[in-house]
Amino acid sequence: MSRADEPLVQRTRRFSQYTSTSFLSETREEQVAIREARHHVRHTFARFLPHDKSAPILDVGCGYGRYVKALQELGYGGVRGIELSQDQVRRAIEHLGLRGVEQADALHWLADKHEAFECILVFDVLEHLSEDDLRDLIRMMGDALRRGGTLIVQVPNGLSPMNPDIYGDITHVRAFTTKSIRQLFRLAGLEPLAYFEGLGPVTTFAGALRRILWAGVVRPMVDVTVRVIHGNIPDRLYSANFIAVAGRPRA
């Protein structure tokens, strides 16, 4: 085995049983997760997706394919996904019947995909990467976007208080703020477009009550605390995850 191949082998080993040891093996079902993903698309970032529903869209680190499935159900016919874990790809194919999902290391697979996609999603992936891989991946995704295309990312929020998502997974190595994501986008020559809290769908009375308390009580208290400690910093997002959108300039 060459030294160049070693990181790929290590990454593959680390995610070889990711699905079978993660939340799907415990309490949640795929259809519930897909329904939530569909809601997330519609109500959180749909306005940044291509107007042409046949445009090529790539989901990097698509896992077992819940966003691929959700986008297809919403009419986006040009969606495909790549995923390092064979465990997850197998689940996408066997449980969800998905086509267009394949096992691949994005750092290799994207090498010859210059301006191939109108939109790239990378949800819950960047927090798993070393700094070198993070820099390489963002540059490769930037190169794989068409002029005027968009990159949509979801990451754990380092500004969120008592955040279970930062270290709730043994493969997480970092969290982000809008400042660090902006820095990452600029490494790839991408223009930051938007940041917003990644609040999940409200499907129960308890969920609706939590959302009301979050908006009316908890968030204002956190915001006051942050302002007192850090001053009037920009982009004060406090949800466990946040979404950031960047675009590749047309010229």
Protein backbone atom coordinates (compact mmCIF):
# COMPACT_ATOMS: atom_id res chain seq x y z
CA MET A 1 0.00 0.00 0.00
CA SER A 2 1.43 3.37 -0.97
CA ARG A 3 1.52 6.32 1.38
CA ALA A 4 -0.86 8.20 -0.95
CA ASP A 5 -3.47 5.44 -0.58
CA GLU A 6 -3.25 5.32 3.21
CA PRO A 7 -5.68 8.18 4.03
CA LEU A 8 -8.36 6.64 1.78
CA VAL A 9 -8.01 3.28 3.51
CA GLN A 10 -8.23 4.94 6.91
CA ARG A 11 -11.31 6.96 5.94
CA THR A 12 -13.04 3.90 4.49
CA ARG A 13 -12.34 1.88 7.62
CA ARG A 14 -13.63 4.65 9.87
CA PHE A 15 -17.02 4.74 8.10
CA SER A 16 -17.33 1.05 7.25
CA GLN A 17 -20.14 0.48 9.77
CA TYR A 18 -21.39 4.03 10.13
CA THR A 19 -25.08 3.41 9.51
CA SER A 20 -25.30 0.20 11.52
CA THR A 21 -23.82 1.95 14.58
CA SER A 22 -25.59 5.32 14.21
CA PHE A 23 -29.06 6.61 14.98
CA LEU A 24 -30.91 4.53 12.39
CA SER A 25 -29.91 1.40 14.27
CA GLU A 26 -31.54 2.75 17.42
CA THR A 27 -34.87 4.56 17.15
CA ARG A 28 -35.50 6.29 13.83
CA GLU A 29 -36.86 4.83 10.64
CA GLU A 30 -35.83 5.78 7.13
CA GLN A 31 -39.25 7.03 6.08
CA VAL A 32 -39.41 9.41 9.04
CA ALA A 33 -35.95 10.72 8.20
CA ILE A 34 -36.85 11.13 4.52
CA ARG A 35 -40.04 13.01 5.42
CA GLU A 36 -38.00 15.34 7.61
CA ALA A 37 -35.42 15.78 4.83
CA ARG A 38 -38.17 16.67 2.37
CA HIS A 39 -39.54 19.24 4.80
CA HIS A 40 -36.02 20.58 5.34
CA VAL A 41 -35.57 21.05 1.59
CA ARG A 42 -38.90 22.79 1.10
CA HIS A 43 -38.78 25.15 4.06
CA THR A 44 -35.08 25.84 4.55
CA PHE A 45 -33.06 26.00 1.35
CA ALA A 46 -35.30 25.29 -1.66
CA ARG A 47 -34.82 28.83 -2.97
CA PHE A 48 -31.13 28.07 -3.57
CA LEU A 49 -31.78 24.96 -5.67
CA PRO A 50 -31.75 25.16 -9.50
CA HIS A 51 -34.94 26.38 -11.12
CA ASP A 52 -34.51 23.68 -13.72
CA LYS A 53 -35.43 20.47 -11.91
CA SER A 54 -33.47 18.41 -14.43
CA ALA A 55 -30.22 20.23 -13.60
CA PRO A 56 -27.36 18.07 -12.26
CA ILE A 57 -27.22 18.08 -8.45
CA LEU A 58 -24.64 16.21 -6.38
CA ASP A 59 -25.01 15.17 -2.74
CA VAL A 60 -21.49 14.67 -1.35
CA GLY A 61 -21.42 12.24 1.55
CA CYS A 62 -25.05 11.36 0.89
CA GLY A 63 -25.15 8.66 3.58
CA TYR A 64 -28.03 6.27 3.06
CA GLY A 65 -29.55 8.72 0.58
CA ARG A 66 -32.27 10.54 2.47
CA TYR A 67 -31.68 13.88 0.70
CA VAL A 68 -31.25 12.18 -2.67
CA LYS A 69 -34.59 10.45 -2.09
CA ALA A 70 -36.27 13.63 -0.81
CA LEU A 71 -35.08 15.68 -3.80
CA GLN A 72 -36.20 13.01 -6.24
CA GLU A 73 -39.63 12.93 -4.60
CA LEU A 74 -39.79 16.71 -5.03
CA GLY A 75 -39.17 16.35 -8.76
CA TYR A 76 -35.42 16.89 -9.09
CA GLY A 77 -34.44 14.31 -11.68
CA GLY A 78 -30.73 15.04 -11.98
CA VAL A 79 -29.73 14.16 -8.43
CA ARG A 80 -26.92 11.74 -7.67
CA GLY A 81 -24.98 10.95 -4.52
CA ILE A 82 -21.56 9.71 -3.52
CA GLU A 83 -20.75 8.14 -0.17
CA LEU A 84 -17.58 6.66 1.30
CA SER A 85 -19.31 4.06 3.46
CA GLN A 86 -20.31 0.85 1.68
CA ASP A 87 -22.64 0.21 4.62
CA GLN A 88 -24.60 3.35 3.80
CA VAL A 89 -24.57 2.83 0.03
CA ARG A 90 -25.92 -0.68 0.51
CA ARG A 91 -28.74 0.69 2.64
CA ALA A 92 -29.55 3.37 0.03
CA ILE A 93 -29.83 0.76 -2.71
CA GLU A 94 -31.47 -2.09 -0.80
CA HIS A 95 -33.79 -0.18 1.55
CA LEU A 96 -34.63 2.93 -0.48
CA GLY A 97 -34.25 1.52 -3.99
CA LEU A 98 -32.11 4.46 -5.03
CA ARG A 99 -30.21 4.69 -8.28
CA GLY A 100 -27.44 7.17 -8.84
CA VAL A 101 -25.84 6.53 -5.45
CA GLU A 102 -22.36 5.05 -5.47
CA GLN A 103 -19.48 4.37 -3.14
CA ALA A 104 -16.67 6.83 -3.75
CA ASP A 105 -14.14 8.98 -1.99
CA ALA A 106 -15.09 12.54 -2.93
CA LEU A 107 -11.44 13.60 -2.87
CA HIS A 108 -10.76 11.20 -5.74
CA TRP A 109 -14.14 11.13 -7.49
CA LEU A 110 -14.37 14.92 -7.96
CA ALA A 111 -10.94 15.22 -9.58
CA ASP A 112 -12.27 15.18 -13.17
CA LYS A 113 -15.70 16.76 -12.58
CA HIS A 114 -14.86 20.30 -13.71
CA GLU A 115 -18.03 22.45 -13.86
CA ALA A 116 -20.22 19.33 -13.87
CA PHE A 117 -22.92 20.37 -11.37
CA GLU A 118 -25.41 23.18 -10.98
CA CYS A 119 -25.71 22.56 -7.25
CA ILE A 120 -23.74 20.58 -4.67
CA LEU A 121 -25.05 19.61 -1.23
CA VAL A 122 -22.70 18.59 1.55
CA PHE A 123 -24.66 17.94 4.72
CA ASP A 124 -23.12 16.72 7.98
CA VAL A 125 -19.80 15.90 6.30
CA LEU A 126 -17.27 18.68 6.77
CA GLU A 127 -17.07 18.16 10.54
CA HIS A 128 -15.58 14.69 9.92
CA LEU A 129 -12.57 15.90 7.92
CA SER A 130 -8.99 16.77 8.76
CA GLU A 131 -7.88 20.28 7.88
CA ASP A 132 -5.98 19.11 4.80
CA ASP A 133 -8.93 17.08 3.50
CA LEU A 134 -11.27 19.96 4.26
CA ARG A 135 -9.20 22.38 2.18
CA ASP A 136 -8.89 19.90 -0.68
CA LEU A 137 -12.58 19.03 -0.71
CA ILE A 138 -13.84 22.61 -0.71
CA ARG A 139 -11.56 23.51 -3.63
CA MET A 140 -12.65 20.45 -5.59
CA MET A 141 -16.32 21.15 -4.97
CA GLY A 142 -15.81 24.75 -6.06
CA ASP A 143 -14.21 23.53 -9.28
CA ALA A 144 -17.04 21.02 -9.86
CA LEU A 145 -19.67 23.79 -9.73
CA ARG A 146 -20.82 25.49 -12.88
CA ARG A 147 -20.59 29.26 -13.12
CA GLY A 148 -23.52 30.63 -11.15
CA GLY A 149 -23.97 27.32 -9.32
CA THR A 150 -24.51 26.98 -5.59
CA LEU A 151 -22.91 25.02 -2.77
CA ILE A 152 -25.16 24.30 0.22
CA VAL A 153 -23.56 22.97 3.41
CA GLN A 154 -24.86 21.96 6.83
CA VAL A 155 -22.45 21.77 9.76
CA PRO A 156 -22.48 21.66 13.58
CA ASN A 157 -22.66 25.13 15.06
CA GLY A 158 -19.75 26.07 17.30
CA LEU A 159 -21.73 29.04 18.64
CA SER A 160 -24.65 26.91 19.82
CA PRO A 161 -24.87 26.46 23.61
CA MET A 162 -24.95 22.90 24.98
CA ASN A 163 -24.78 21.46 21.48
CA PRO A 164 -25.07 17.64 21.41
CA ASP A 165 -24.18 17.51 17.71
CA ILE A 166 -20.60 18.69 18.09
CA TYR A 167 -19.33 15.64 19.96
CA GLY A 168 -22.36 13.39 19.61
CA ASP A 169 -20.50 11.36 16.99
CA ILE A 170 -17.07 9.81 17.56
CA THR A 171 -16.03 10.74 14.01
CA HIS A 172 -16.58 14.49 14.50
CA VAL A 173 -13.35 16.48 14.68
CA ARG A 174 -14.62 20.09 14.46
CA ALA A 175 -17.52 22.50 14.56
CA PHE A 176 -17.93 25.73 12.60
CA THR A 177 -19.10 29.30 12.87
CA THR A 178 -20.17 31.51 10.00
CA LYS A 179 -16.72 33.11 10.19
CA SER A 180 -14.87 29.83 9.64
CA ILE A 181 -17.29 28.73 6.90
CA ARG A 182 -16.81 32.06 5.14
CA GLN A 183 -13.05 31.50 5.34
CA LEU A 184 -13.52 28.03 3.82
CA PHE A 185 -15.68 29.33 0.98
CA ARG A 186 -13.10 31.94 0.06
CA LEU A 187 -10.39 29.29 -0.19
CA ALA A 188 -12.38 27.89 -3.12
CA GLY A 189 -13.14 31.28 -4.70
CA LEU A 190 -16.81 31.00 -3.72
CA GLU A 191 -19.01 33.94 -2.77
CA PRO A 192 -20.89 33.56 0.54
CA LEU A 193 -24.61 34.10 -0.06
CA ALA A 194 -26.57 33.20 3.07
CA TYR A 195 -26.45 31.67 6.53
CA PHE A 196 -29.42 30.46 8.54
CA GLU A 197 -30.28 28.26 11.46
CA GLY A 198 -30.86 24.61 10.64
CA LEU A 199 -34.01 24.14 12.68
CA GLY A 200 -35.73 20.83 12.08
CA PRO A 201 -39.36 20.34 11.05
CA VAL A 202 -42.16 20.73 13.56
CA THR A 203 -44.28 17.56 13.40
CA THR A 204 -45.63 17.20 16.96
CA PHE A 205 -47.21 19.36 19.64
CA ALA A 206 -44.06 18.97 21.77
CA GLY A 207 -41.97 20.09 18.83
CA ALA A 208 -44.18 23.12 18.26
CA LEU A 209 -43.92 24.05 21.94
CA ARG A 210 -40.13 23.74 21.84
CA ARG A 211 -40.02 25.99 18.76
CA ILE A 212 -42.15 28.63 20.48
CA LEU A 213 -39.95 28.54 23.59
CA TRP A 214 -36.84 28.66 21.41
CA ALA A 215 -38.00 31.71 19.49
CA GLY A 216 -39.59 33.59 22.38
CA VAL A 217 -37.43 32.70 25.38
CA VAL A 218 -34.27 30.67 24.83
CA ARG A 219 -32.88 32.35 21.74
CA PRO A 220 -33.28 35.92 23.06
CA MET A 221 -31.55 34.90 26.33
CA VAL A 222 -28.65 33.28 24.47
CA ASP A 223 -28.36 36.30 22.20
CA VAL A 224 -28.13 38.68 25.16
CA THR A 225 -25.44 36.47 26.74
CA VAL A 226 -23.41 36.38 23.52
CA ARG A 227 -23.69 40.15 23.07
CA VAL A 228 -22.49 40.75 26.64
CA ILE A 229 -19.51 38.37 26.29
CA HIS A 230 -18.49 38.97 22.67
CA GLY A 231 -20.12 42.23 21.62
CA ASN A 232 -22.20 42.71 18.49
CA ILE A 233 -20.74 39.89 16.39
CA PRO A 234 -22.34 39.22 12.98
CA ASP A 235 -24.45 36.22 11.99
CA ARG A 236 -25.53 35.16 15.46
CA LEU A 237 -26.93 31.70 14.81
CA TYR A 238 -27.55 29.41 17.79
CA SER A 239 -29.21 26.24 16.52
CA ALA A 240 -27.30 22.97 16.86
CA ASN A 241 -26.57 23.00 13.13
CA PHE A 242 -26.55 25.82 10.64
CA ILE A 243 -26.76 25.99 6.87
CA ALA A 244 -24.48 28.10 4.72
CA VAL A 245 -24.82 28.81 1.01
CA ALA A 246 -22.15 29.98 -1.41
CA GLY A 247 -22.15 30.60 -5.13
CA ARG A 248 -19.56 30.32 -7.86
CA PRO A 249 -19.27 33.71 -9.58
CA ARG A 250 -20.46 33.80 -13.17
CA ALA A 251 -17.38 35.67 -14.31
